[in-house]
N, C-alpha and C. Protein backbone atom coordinates (compact mmCIF):
# COMPACT_ATOMS: atom_id res chain seq x y z
N MET A 1 11.09 5.16 17.74
CA MET A 1 11.39 4.00 16.90
C MET A 1 10.11 3.52 16.30
N THR A 2 10.21 3.00 15.08
CA THR A 2 9.11 2.46 14.37
C THR A 2 8.75 1.11 14.98
N PRO A 3 7.44 0.88 15.33
CA PRO A 3 7.00 -0.37 15.83
C PRO A 3 7.27 -1.50 14.77
N PRO A 4 7.69 -2.74 15.20
CA PRO A 4 7.94 -3.77 14.26
C PRO A 4 6.67 -4.11 13.38
N SER A 5 5.46 -3.96 13.92
CA SER A 5 4.31 -4.21 13.14
C SER A 5 4.11 -3.24 12.00
N VAL A 6 4.49 -1.97 12.26
CA VAL A 6 4.40 -0.92 11.20
C VAL A 6 5.43 -1.29 10.09
N THR A 7 6.61 -1.74 10.55
CA THR A 7 7.62 -2.06 9.60
C THR A 7 7.11 -3.23 8.68
N LEU A 8 6.55 -4.23 9.39
CA LEU A 8 6.01 -5.39 8.58
C LEU A 8 4.91 -4.94 7.70
N ALA A 9 4.07 -3.98 8.16
CA ALA A 9 2.98 -3.50 7.30
C ALA A 9 3.55 -2.80 6.06
N CYS A 10 4.64 -2.08 6.22
CA CYS A 10 5.30 -1.45 5.12
C CYS A 10 5.85 -2.49 4.13
N LEU A 11 6.41 -3.48 4.66
CA LEU A 11 6.92 -4.56 3.70
C LEU A 11 5.78 -5.30 2.99
N VAL A 12 4.71 -5.61 3.74
CA VAL A 12 3.54 -6.18 3.10
C VAL A 12 2.95 -5.26 2.02
N ARG A 13 2.89 -4.03 2.32
CA ARG A 13 2.42 -3.04 1.30
C ARG A 13 3.27 -3.05 0.03
N LEU A 14 4.56 -3.05 0.28
CA LEU A 14 5.48 -3.03 -0.88
C LEU A 14 5.38 -4.30 -1.73
N LEU A 15 5.32 -5.44 -1.02
CA LEU A 15 5.15 -6.74 -1.70
C LEU A 15 3.87 -6.83 -2.45
N THR A 16 2.77 -6.41 -1.84
CA THR A 16 1.41 -6.42 -2.51
C THR A 16 1.48 -5.46 -3.76
N VAL A 17 2.00 -4.32 -3.62
CA VAL A 17 2.09 -3.43 -4.74
C VAL A 17 2.94 -3.94 -5.86
N ALA A 18 4.08 -4.52 -5.40
CA ALA A 18 4.99 -5.12 -6.45
C ALA A 18 4.33 -6.28 -7.24
N SER A 19 3.62 -7.19 -6.44
CA SER A 19 3.08 -8.34 -7.12
C SER A 19 1.87 -7.84 -7.99
N VAL A 20 1.04 -7.03 -7.53
CA VAL A 20 -0.08 -6.57 -8.33
C VAL A 20 0.38 -5.71 -9.50
N GLY A 21 1.37 -4.86 -9.20
CA GLY A 21 1.99 -3.99 -10.27
C GLY A 21 2.60 -4.86 -11.39
N TYR A 22 3.29 -5.91 -11.00
CA TYR A 22 3.91 -6.75 -11.94
C TYR A 22 2.88 -7.46 -12.84
N GLY A 23 1.79 -7.91 -12.21
CA GLY A 23 0.69 -8.54 -13.00
C GLY A 23 0.11 -7.57 -13.99
N LEU A 24 -0.10 -6.29 -13.49
CA LEU A 24 -0.67 -5.32 -14.40
C LEU A 24 0.26 -4.94 -15.46
N LEU A 25 1.57 -4.80 -15.20
CA LEU A 25 2.55 -4.38 -16.25
C LEU A 25 2.71 -5.46 -17.26
N SER A 26 2.57 -6.73 -16.88
CA SER A 26 2.72 -7.78 -17.90
C SER A 26 1.58 -7.77 -18.91
N ASP A 27 0.40 -7.21 -18.50
CA ASP A 27 -0.75 -7.09 -19.39
C ASP A 27 -0.87 -5.69 -19.94
N ALA A 28 -0.12 -4.73 -19.49
CA ALA A 28 -0.33 -3.32 -19.85
C ALA A 28 0.51 -2.95 -21.00
N ALA A 29 0.04 -1.89 -21.68
CA ALA A 29 0.83 -1.30 -22.77
C ALA A 29 0.67 0.19 -22.72
N GLY A 30 1.76 0.84 -23.10
CA GLY A 30 1.63 2.34 -23.27
C GLY A 30 1.29 3.08 -22.04
N LEU A 31 0.20 3.85 -22.10
CA LEU A 31 -0.22 4.82 -21.04
C LEU A 31 -0.47 4.10 -19.70
N LEU A 32 -1.12 2.87 -19.83
CA LEU A 32 -1.42 2.12 -18.62
C LEU A 32 -0.17 1.66 -17.89
N ALA A 33 0.86 1.32 -18.63
CA ALA A 33 2.09 0.96 -17.98
C ALA A 33 2.79 2.15 -17.30
N VAL A 34 2.69 3.31 -17.85
CA VAL A 34 3.21 4.52 -17.18
C VAL A 34 2.36 4.87 -15.92
N ALA A 35 1.05 4.63 -15.96
CA ALA A 35 0.27 4.85 -14.78
C ALA A 35 0.58 3.88 -13.63
N VAL A 36 0.84 2.64 -14.06
CA VAL A 36 1.17 1.62 -13.01
C VAL A 36 2.53 1.93 -12.35
N VAL A 37 3.54 2.35 -13.21
CA VAL A 37 4.81 2.66 -12.68
C VAL A 37 4.71 3.95 -11.70
N GLY A 38 3.88 4.90 -12.19
CA GLY A 38 3.58 6.08 -11.33
C GLY A 38 2.99 5.73 -9.97
N ALA A 39 2.03 4.77 -10.01
CA ALA A 39 1.43 4.33 -8.78
C ALA A 39 2.39 3.63 -7.87
N VAL A 40 3.29 2.87 -8.41
CA VAL A 40 4.29 2.23 -7.64
C VAL A 40 5.29 3.18 -6.98
N VAL A 41 5.56 4.21 -7.66
CA VAL A 41 6.54 5.29 -7.13
C VAL A 41 5.75 5.96 -5.98
N VAL A 42 4.43 6.32 -6.12
CA VAL A 42 3.67 6.88 -5.03
C VAL A 42 3.60 5.97 -3.83
N GLU A 43 3.44 4.74 -4.09
CA GLU A 43 3.47 3.72 -2.98
C GLU A 43 4.74 3.69 -2.25
N LEU A 44 5.84 3.74 -2.99
CA LEU A 44 7.20 3.79 -2.31
C LEU A 44 7.35 5.04 -1.44
N VAL A 45 6.87 6.17 -1.92
CA VAL A 45 6.93 7.40 -1.13
C VAL A 45 6.07 7.27 0.14
N LEU A 46 4.85 6.69 -0.01
CA LEU A 46 3.97 6.47 1.12
C LEU A 46 4.60 5.50 2.15
N ALA A 47 5.15 4.43 1.59
CA ALA A 47 5.82 3.45 2.54
C ALA A 47 6.93 4.06 3.36
N ARG A 48 7.72 4.93 2.65
CA ARG A 48 8.82 5.62 3.35
C ARG A 48 8.31 6.56 4.40
N GLY A 49 7.20 7.28 4.06
CA GLY A 49 6.64 8.16 4.99
C GLY A 49 6.06 7.44 6.21
N VAL A 50 5.33 6.32 5.91
CA VAL A 50 4.78 5.55 7.03
C VAL A 50 5.88 5.00 7.94
N TRP A 51 6.95 4.46 7.34
CA TRP A 51 8.06 3.95 8.11
C TRP A 51 8.71 5.00 8.97
N SER A 52 8.69 6.27 8.48
CA SER A 52 9.21 7.41 9.18
C SER A 52 8.25 7.98 10.10
N ARG A 53 7.05 7.40 10.27
CA ARG A 53 5.96 7.80 11.13
C ARG A 53 5.47 9.20 10.85
N ARG A 54 5.27 9.60 9.61
CA ARG A 54 4.78 10.92 9.27
C ARG A 54 3.27 10.88 9.21
N ARG A 55 2.63 11.88 9.76
CA ARG A 55 1.17 11.99 9.79
C ARG A 55 0.54 12.04 8.41
N TRP A 56 1.11 12.82 7.51
CA TRP A 56 0.56 12.90 6.11
C TRP A 56 0.63 11.56 5.44
N ALA A 57 1.64 10.74 5.75
CA ALA A 57 1.73 9.49 5.04
C ALA A 57 0.73 8.53 5.67
N TRP A 58 0.50 8.64 6.94
CA TRP A 58 -0.53 7.77 7.59
C TRP A 58 -1.85 8.04 7.00
N SER A 59 -2.24 9.28 6.84
CA SER A 59 -3.55 9.67 6.25
C SER A 59 -3.68 9.16 4.82
N ALA A 60 -2.62 9.49 4.02
CA ALA A 60 -2.71 9.05 2.62
C ALA A 60 -2.68 7.51 2.49
N ALA A 61 -1.84 6.86 3.30
CA ALA A 61 -1.75 5.42 3.18
C ALA A 61 -3.08 4.74 3.60
N LEU A 62 -3.70 5.29 4.64
CA LEU A 62 -4.95 4.76 5.11
C LEU A 62 -5.93 4.81 4.01
N GLY A 63 -6.16 5.96 3.39
CA GLY A 63 -7.07 6.12 2.26
C GLY A 63 -6.69 5.28 1.11
N ALA A 64 -5.45 5.30 0.72
CA ALA A 64 -5.07 4.52 -0.51
C ALA A 64 -5.26 2.99 -0.26
N ASP A 65 -4.88 2.52 0.90
CA ASP A 65 -5.03 1.09 1.20
C ASP A 65 -6.51 0.70 1.28
N THR A 66 -7.34 1.53 1.82
CA THR A 66 -8.78 1.23 1.84
C THR A 66 -9.32 1.11 0.46
N VAL A 67 -8.97 1.93 -0.46
CA VAL A 67 -9.40 1.88 -1.82
C VAL A 67 -8.76 0.67 -2.52
N THR A 68 -7.48 0.40 -2.28
CA THR A 68 -6.76 -0.75 -2.84
C THR A 68 -7.43 -2.06 -2.42
N ALA A 69 -7.74 -2.17 -1.13
CA ALA A 69 -8.44 -3.41 -0.68
C ALA A 69 -9.75 -3.68 -1.41
N GLY A 70 -10.56 -2.54 -1.52
CA GLY A 70 -11.79 -2.76 -2.26
C GLY A 70 -11.59 -3.05 -3.73
N ALA A 71 -10.58 -2.47 -4.31
CA ALA A 71 -10.33 -2.76 -5.73
C ALA A 71 -9.80 -4.15 -5.96
N ALA A 72 -9.03 -4.66 -5.00
CA ALA A 72 -8.47 -5.97 -5.13
C ALA A 72 -9.62 -7.00 -5.06
N LEU A 73 -10.58 -6.73 -4.15
CA LEU A 73 -11.74 -7.56 -4.06
C LEU A 73 -12.59 -7.57 -5.36
N ALA A 74 -12.68 -6.37 -5.90
CA ALA A 74 -13.49 -6.15 -7.09
C ALA A 74 -12.94 -6.93 -8.27
N VAL A 75 -11.59 -6.97 -8.35
CA VAL A 75 -11.00 -7.67 -9.50
C VAL A 75 -10.64 -9.15 -9.25
N GLY A 76 -10.99 -9.63 -8.06
CA GLY A 76 -10.84 -11.03 -7.76
C GLY A 76 -9.51 -11.46 -7.20
N LEU A 77 -8.95 -10.56 -6.43
CA LEU A 77 -7.67 -10.84 -5.74
C LEU A 77 -7.82 -10.87 -4.23
N PRO A 78 -8.48 -11.91 -3.68
CA PRO A 78 -8.81 -11.95 -2.26
C PRO A 78 -7.58 -11.87 -1.31
N LEU A 79 -6.50 -12.54 -1.74
CA LEU A 79 -5.29 -12.54 -0.86
C LEU A 79 -4.71 -11.08 -0.75
N ALA A 80 -4.66 -10.41 -1.90
CA ALA A 80 -4.17 -9.01 -1.87
C ALA A 80 -5.10 -8.11 -1.05
N ALA A 81 -6.38 -8.39 -1.12
CA ALA A 81 -7.41 -7.62 -0.34
C ALA A 81 -7.15 -7.80 1.14
N VAL A 82 -6.95 -9.12 1.54
CA VAL A 82 -6.77 -9.43 2.98
C VAL A 82 -5.47 -8.77 3.44
N ALA A 83 -4.35 -8.89 2.63
CA ALA A 83 -3.09 -8.35 3.07
C ALA A 83 -3.16 -6.78 3.23
N THR A 84 -3.86 -6.15 2.31
CA THR A 84 -4.05 -4.73 2.39
C THR A 84 -4.90 -4.26 3.49
N ALA A 85 -6.01 -5.07 3.74
CA ALA A 85 -6.82 -4.76 4.85
C ALA A 85 -6.08 -4.95 6.22
N ALA A 86 -5.17 -5.87 6.26
CA ALA A 86 -4.34 -6.03 7.48
C ALA A 86 -3.44 -4.82 7.70
N VAL A 87 -2.99 -4.31 6.60
CA VAL A 87 -2.08 -3.11 6.71
C VAL A 87 -2.96 -1.91 7.20
N VAL A 88 -4.22 -1.82 6.79
CA VAL A 88 -5.08 -0.75 7.25
C VAL A 88 -5.34 -0.90 8.75
N VAL A 89 -5.55 -2.13 9.18
CA VAL A 89 -5.77 -2.34 10.67
C VAL A 89 -4.48 -1.95 11.41
N VAL A 90 -3.32 -2.33 11.02
CA VAL A 90 -2.09 -2.02 11.70
C VAL A 90 -1.92 -0.46 11.72
N LEU A 91 -2.10 0.14 10.58
CA LEU A 91 -2.02 1.63 10.63
C LEU A 91 -3.02 2.27 11.56
N PHE A 92 -4.19 1.78 11.53
CA PHE A 92 -5.24 2.37 12.39
C PHE A 92 -4.90 2.13 13.93
N VAL A 93 -4.42 0.93 14.27
CA VAL A 93 -4.03 0.63 15.65
C VAL A 93 -2.88 1.52 16.13
N HIS A 94 -1.98 1.87 15.24
CA HIS A 94 -0.77 2.64 15.62
C HIS A 94 -0.95 4.12 15.30
N ARG A 95 -2.17 4.54 15.13
CA ARG A 95 -2.43 5.99 14.67
C ARG A 95 -1.78 7.04 15.59
N ASP A 96 -1.71 6.70 16.87
CA ASP A 96 -1.14 7.68 17.83
C ASP A 96 0.41 7.77 17.73
N ARG A 97 1.05 6.94 17.01
CA ARG A 97 2.52 6.96 16.92
C ARG A 97 2.99 7.91 15.70
N PHE A 98 2.06 8.32 14.97
CA PHE A 98 2.42 9.19 13.75
C PHE A 98 2.44 10.67 14.16
N GLU A 99 3.51 11.38 13.80
CA GLU A 99 3.67 12.76 14.19
C GLU A 99 3.18 13.67 13.09
């Protein structure tokens, strides 16, 4: 069974991606909008994999979230950076539960 903290981490991940993605989409046009939608689709796949406790999703999500937290700090989104960093911590703490 998926631990409740991992489920919560998946929800936080999806909410963070949705809010940042919406902000980018409202300012984006053309190719950038397609890239943002593509990133959201990748995040959905990763969230599903993490929730299903797949090792590949754990590795990919840990890397993607580390980069995302740094990028959020770089563009001035401290709340998104903190939420994403919390997801990284939860994933790391539960690393032994991923198959």
